[in-house]
């Protein structure tokens, strides 16, 4: 874990942070800056936020279904990337998912996002297939799954 970094539950007060960060890191995939902030108000979603000394640095968002959780977003401030924040968020989300009774985690990530794919694999996700044209921009995605 990074010194000075902490993980907390996301809240409606994080709407602006989530929108801004989603705009920075997901704009090539679609309008996630409009979609994701609304998830903070939805009890079917669980959000974690990574905090550094000067404020939030990243978030991870999980959609909760019947025994299945879908990681819908993992985002880290571009100025804070490559410091372990994404891994810290994902590992915390895996633990929270277990506590929530989730038996399987699934996610999709862009075929071009090799960094994220590597992170997910080292945590225990396995590729389940590819989805052509998954993102509104037309990019393909890789489906991944992890049993808890």
C-alpha atoms as a PDB file:
ATOM      1  CA  UNK A   1       0.000   0.000   0.000  1.00  0.00           C
ATOM      2  CA  UNK A   2       1.230   3.504  -0.762  1.00  0.00           C
ATOM      3  CA  UNK A   3       2.210   5.593   2.213  1.00  0.00           C
ATOM      4  CA  UNK A   4      -0.357   8.302   2.835  1.00  0.00           C
ATOM      5  CA  UNK A   5      -2.985   6.624   0.625  1.00  0.00           C
ATOM      6  CA  UNK A   6      -6.264   5.392   2.014  1.00  0.00           C
ATOM      7  CA  UNK A   7      -9.383   3.760   0.640  1.00  0.00           C
ATOM      8  CA  UNK A   8     -12.866   4.901   1.595  1.00  0.00           C
ATOM      9  CA  UNK A   9     -16.390   4.299   0.358  1.00  0.00           C
ATOM     10  CA  UNK A  10     -17.555   6.618  -2.396  1.00  0.00           C
ATOM     11  CA  UNK A  11     -20.445   8.980  -1.697  1.00  0.00           C
ATOM     12  CA  UNK A  12     -22.711  11.368  -3.620  1.00  0.00           C
ATOM     13  CA  UNK A  13     -20.280  14.140  -2.638  1.00  0.00           C
ATOM     14  CA  UNK A  14     -17.766  12.481  -5.011  1.00  0.00           C
ATOM     15  CA  UNK A  15     -19.888  13.197  -8.111  1.00  0.00           C
ATOM     16  CA  UNK A  16     -17.676  16.013  -9.409  1.00  0.00           C
ATOM     17  CA  UNK A  17     -14.464  14.037  -8.812  1.00  0.00           C
ATOM     18  CA  UNK A  18     -15.863  10.942 -10.569  1.00  0.00           C
ATOM     19  CA  UNK A  19     -17.144  13.019 -13.509  1.00  0.00           C
ATOM     20  CA  UNK A  20     -13.843  14.889 -13.903  1.00  0.00           C
ATOM     21  CA  UNK A  21     -11.681  11.782 -13.693  1.00  0.00           C
ATOM     22  CA  UNK A  22     -13.975   9.807 -16.003  1.00  0.00           C
ATOM     23  CA  UNK A  23     -13.733  12.660 -18.521  1.00  0.00           C
ATOM     24  CA  UNK A  24      -9.933  12.490 -18.337  1.00  0.00           C
ATOM     25  CA  UNK A  25      -9.473   8.738 -18.628  1.00  0.00           C
ATOM     26  CA  UNK A  26     -12.575   7.337 -20.343  1.00  0.00           C
ATOM     27  CA  UNK A  27     -13.467   9.969 -22.981  1.00  0.00           C
ATOM     28  CA  UNK A  28     -12.154   7.770 -25.814  1.00  0.00           C
ATOM     29  CA  UNK A  29     -14.609   5.024 -24.785  1.00  0.00           C
ATOM     30  CA  UNK A  30     -17.853   6.958 -24.340  1.00  0.00           C
ATOM     31  CA  UNK A  31     -19.665   9.458 -22.122  1.00  0.00           C
ATOM     32  CA  UNK A  32     -18.788   7.836 -18.816  1.00  0.00           C
ATOM     33  CA  UNK A  33     -18.440  11.277 -17.219  1.00  0.00           C
ATOM     34  CA  UNK A  34     -22.242  11.530 -17.529  1.00  0.00           C
ATOM     35  CA  UNK A  35     -23.063   7.942 -16.565  1.00  0.00           C
ATOM     36  CA  UNK A  36     -20.779   7.087 -13.643  1.00  0.00           C
ATOM     37  CA  UNK A  37     -21.590   9.955 -11.238  1.00  0.00           C
ATOM     38  CA  UNK A  38     -25.239   8.798 -11.114  1.00  0.00           C
ATOM     39  CA  UNK A  39     -24.070   5.387  -9.905  1.00  0.00           C
ATOM     40  CA  UNK A  40     -22.955   6.992  -6.635  1.00  0.00           C
ATOM     41  CA  UNK A  41     -26.649   7.440  -5.747  1.00  0.00           C
ATOM     42  CA  UNK A  42     -27.657   3.899  -6.763  1.00  0.00           C
ATOM     43  CA  UNK A  43     -27.662   1.199  -4.040  1.00  0.00           C
ATOM     44  CA  UNK A  44     -26.895  -1.426  -6.723  1.00  0.00           C
ATOM     45  CA  UNK A  45     -23.396   0.068  -7.030  1.00  0.00           C
ATOM     46  CA  UNK A  46     -20.484   0.017  -4.612  1.00  0.00           C
ATOM     47  CA  UNK A  47     -17.739   2.608  -5.092  1.00  0.00           C
ATOM     48  CA  UNK A  48     -14.335   2.912  -3.486  1.00  0.00           C
ATOM     49  CA  UNK A  49     -12.219   6.070  -3.622  1.00  0.00           C
ATOM     50  CA  UNK A  50      -8.462   6.254  -3.097  1.00  0.00           C
ATOM     51  CA  UNK A  51      -7.404   9.292  -1.069  1.00  0.00           C
ATOM     52  CA  UNK A  52      -3.959  10.825  -0.988  1.00  0.00           C
ATOM     53  CA  UNK A  53      -2.980  13.680   1.323  1.00  0.00           C
ATOM     54  CA  UNK A  54      -4.256  16.297  -1.114  1.00  0.00           C
ATOM     55  CA  UNK A  55      -7.531  14.619  -2.088  1.00  0.00           C
ATOM     56  CA  UNK A  56      -8.964  11.770  -4.156  1.00  0.00           C
ATOM     57  CA  UNK A  57      -6.668  10.070  -6.660  1.00  0.00           C
ATOM     58  CA  UNK A  58      -8.815   7.284  -8.102  1.00  0.00           C
ATOM     59  CA  UNK A  59     -11.990   5.260  -7.880  1.00  0.00           C
ATOM     60  CA  UNK A  60     -13.310   1.770  -8.534  1.00  0.00           C
ATOM     61  CA  UNK A  61     -16.996   1.083  -9.143  1.00  0.00           C
ATOM     62  CA  UNK A  62     -18.833  -2.246  -8.855  1.00  0.00           C
ATOM     63  CA  UNK A  63     -22.335  -3.102 -10.066  1.00  0.00           C
ATOM     64  CA  UNK A  64     -23.865  -5.669  -7.725  1.00  0.00           C
ATOM     65  CA  UNK A  65     -26.077  -8.430  -9.100  1.00  0.00           C
ATOM     66  CA  UNK A  66     -27.271 -11.788  -7.762  1.00  0.00           C
ATOM     67  CA  UNK A  67     -23.957 -13.265  -6.628  1.00  0.00           C
ATOM     68  CA  UNK A  68     -22.121 -11.512  -9.467  1.00  0.00           C
ATOM     69  CA  UNK A  69     -20.320  -8.193  -9.353  1.00  0.00           C
ATOM     70  CA  UNK A  70     -19.308  -6.293 -12.462  1.00  0.00           C
ATOM     71  CA  UNK A  71     -16.369  -3.933 -12.164  1.00  0.00           C
ATOM     72  CA  UNK A  72     -17.706  -1.116 -14.349  1.00  0.00           C
ATOM     73  CA  UNK A  73     -14.829   1.332 -13.863  1.00  0.00           C
ATOM     74  CA  UNK A  74     -11.358   1.653 -12.407  1.00  0.00           C
ATOM     75  CA  UNK A  75      -9.777   5.069 -12.867  1.00  0.00           C
ATOM     76  CA  UNK A  76      -6.648   6.732 -11.495  1.00  0.00           C
ATOM     77  CA  UNK A  77      -5.646  10.357 -11.910  1.00  0.00           C
ATOM     78  CA  UNK A  78      -3.120  10.397 -14.786  1.00  0.00           C
ATOM     79  CA  UNK A  79      -0.655  12.304 -12.575  1.00  0.00           C
ATOM     80  CA  UNK A  80      -0.836   9.502  -9.978  1.00  0.00           C
ATOM     81  CA  UNK A  81      -0.679   6.468 -12.293  1.00  0.00           C
ATOM     82  CA  UNK A  82       2.015   3.791 -11.954  1.00  0.00           C
ATOM     83  CA  UNK A  83       2.083   4.211  -8.169  1.00  0.00           C
ATOM     84  CA  UNK A  84      -0.042   1.173  -7.240  1.00  0.00           C
ATOM     85  CA  UNK A  85      -3.327   3.022  -6.728  1.00  0.00           C
ATOM     86  CA  UNK A  86      -5.248   0.956  -9.291  1.00  0.00           C
ATOM     87  CA  UNK A  87      -4.020  -2.278  -7.726  1.00  0.00           C
ATOM     88  CA  UNK A  88      -4.874  -1.009  -4.238  1.00  0.00           C
ATOM     89  CA  UNK A  89      -8.401  -0.122  -5.369  1.00  0.00           C
ATOM     90  CA  UNK A  90      -8.935  -3.469  -7.105  1.00  0.00           C
ATOM     91  CA  UNK A  91      -7.632  -5.505  -4.182  1.00  0.00           C
ATOM     92  CA  UNK A  92      -9.887  -3.584  -1.784  1.00  0.00           C
ATOM     93  CA  UNK A  93     -12.856  -4.104  -4.123  1.00  0.00           C
ATOM     94  CA  UNK A  94     -12.198  -7.861  -4.275  1.00  0.00           C
ATOM     95  CA  UNK A  95     -12.295  -7.974  -0.460  1.00  0.00           C
ATOM     96  CA  UNK A  96     -15.483  -5.873  -0.336  1.00  0.00           C
ATOM     97  CA  UNK A  97     -17.082  -8.109  -2.970  1.00  0.00           C
ATOM     98  CA  UNK A  98     -16.399 -11.177  -0.831  1.00  0.00           C
ATOM     99  CA  UNK A  99     -17.957  -9.452   2.182  1.00  0.00           C
ATOM    100  CA  UNK A 100     -21.002  -8.580   0.043  1.00  0.00           C
ATOM    101  CA  UNK A 101     -21.489 -12.267  -0.808  1.00  0.00           C
ATOM    102  CA  UNK A 102     -20.406 -11.936  -4.417  1.00  0.00           C
ATOM    103  CA  UNK A 103     -19.110 -15.208  -5.825  1.00  0.00           C
ATOM    104  CA  UNK A 104     -17.903 -14.031  -9.241  1.00  0.00           C
ATOM    105  CA  UNK A 105     -16.435 -10.759 -10.503  1.00  0.00           C
ATOM    106  CA  UNK A 106     -16.609  -9.855 -14.182  1.00  0.00           C
ATOM    107  CA  UNK A 107     -15.363  -6.892 -16.177  1.00  0.00           C
ATOM    108  CA  UNK A 108     -14.641  -5.650 -19.654  1.00  0.00           C
ATOM    109  CA  UNK A 109     -11.601  -3.658 -20.669  1.00  0.00           C
ATOM    110  CA  UNK A 110     -10.431  -2.275 -23.973  1.00  0.00           C
ATOM    111  CA  UNK A 111      -8.343  -4.638 -26.084  1.00  0.00           C
ATOM    112  CA  UNK A 112      -5.780  -1.831 -26.392  1.00  0.00           C
ATOM    113  CA  UNK A 113      -5.555  -1.277 -22.617  1.00  0.00           C
ATOM    114  CA  UNK A 114      -2.667  -3.658 -21.990  1.00  0.00           C
ATOM    115  CA  UNK A 115      -1.764  -2.062 -18.653  1.00  0.00           C
ATOM    116  CA  UNK A 116      -5.222  -2.736 -17.197  1.00  0.00           C
ATOM    117  CA  UNK A 117      -5.298  -6.254 -18.618  1.00  0.00           C
ATOM    118  CA  UNK A 118      -1.982  -7.000 -16.917  1.00  0.00           C
ATOM    119  CA  UNK A 119      -3.244  -5.653 -13.593  1.00  0.00           C
ATOM    120  CA  UNK A 120      -6.449  -7.686 -13.769  1.00  0.00           C
ATOM    121  CA  UNK A 121      -4.563 -10.877 -14.643  1.00  0.00           C
ATOM    122  CA  UNK A 122      -2.142 -10.492 -11.714  1.00  0.00           C
ATOM    123  CA  UNK A 123      -5.103 -10.113  -9.353  1.00  0.00           C
ATOM    124  CA  UNK A 124      -6.661 -13.344 -10.647  1.00  0.00           C
ATOM    125  CA  UNK A 125      -8.932 -12.448 -13.566  1.00  0.00           C
ATOM    126  CA  UNK A 126      -8.973 -14.693 -16.635  1.00  0.00           C
ATOM    127  CA  UNK A 127     -10.039 -13.742 -20.147  1.00  0.00           C
ATOM    128  CA  UNK A 128     -13.450 -15.079 -21.157  1.00  0.00           C
ATOM    129  CA  UNK A 129     -13.743 -13.681 -24.670  1.00  0.00           C
ATOM    130  CA  UNK A 130     -13.776 -10.601 -26.836  1.00  0.00           C
ATOM    131  CA  UNK A 131     -16.614  -8.277 -27.781  1.00  0.00           C
ATOM    132  CA  UNK A 132     -16.235  -6.401 -31.060  1.00  0.00           C
ATOM    133  CA  UNK A 133     -17.473  -2.803 -31.038  1.00  0.00           C
ATOM    134  CA  UNK A 134     -18.242  -2.854 -27.306  1.00  0.00           C
ATOM    135  CA  UNK A 135     -17.480   0.802 -26.658  1.00  0.00           C
ATOM    136  CA  UNK A 136     -19.486   3.598 -28.280  1.00  0.00           C
ATOM    137  CA  UNK A 137     -16.285   4.645 -30.046  1.00  0.00           C
ATOM    138  CA  UNK A 138     -16.260   1.251 -31.782  1.00  0.00           C
ATOM    139  CA  UNK A 139     -13.340  -0.219 -29.825  1.00  0.00           C
ATOM    140  CA  UNK A 140     -13.388  -3.886 -28.931  1.00  0.00           C
ATOM    141  CA  UNK A 141     -13.296  -5.165 -25.356  1.00  0.00           C
ATOM    142  CA  UNK A 142     -11.923  -8.203 -23.570  1.00  0.00           C
ATOM    143  CA  UNK A 143     -14.222  -9.890 -21.078  1.00  0.00           C
ATOM    144  CA  UNK A 144     -12.606 -11.144 -17.874  1.00  0.00           C
ATOM    145  CA  UNK A 145     -13.816 -13.156 -14.892  1.00  0.00           C
ATOM    146  CA  UNK A 146     -12.625 -14.035 -11.401  1.00  0.00           C
ATOM    147  CA  UNK A 147     -14.171 -16.544  -9.005  1.00  0.00           C
ATOM    148  CA  UNK A 148     -14.111 -15.499  -5.345  1.00  0.00           C
END
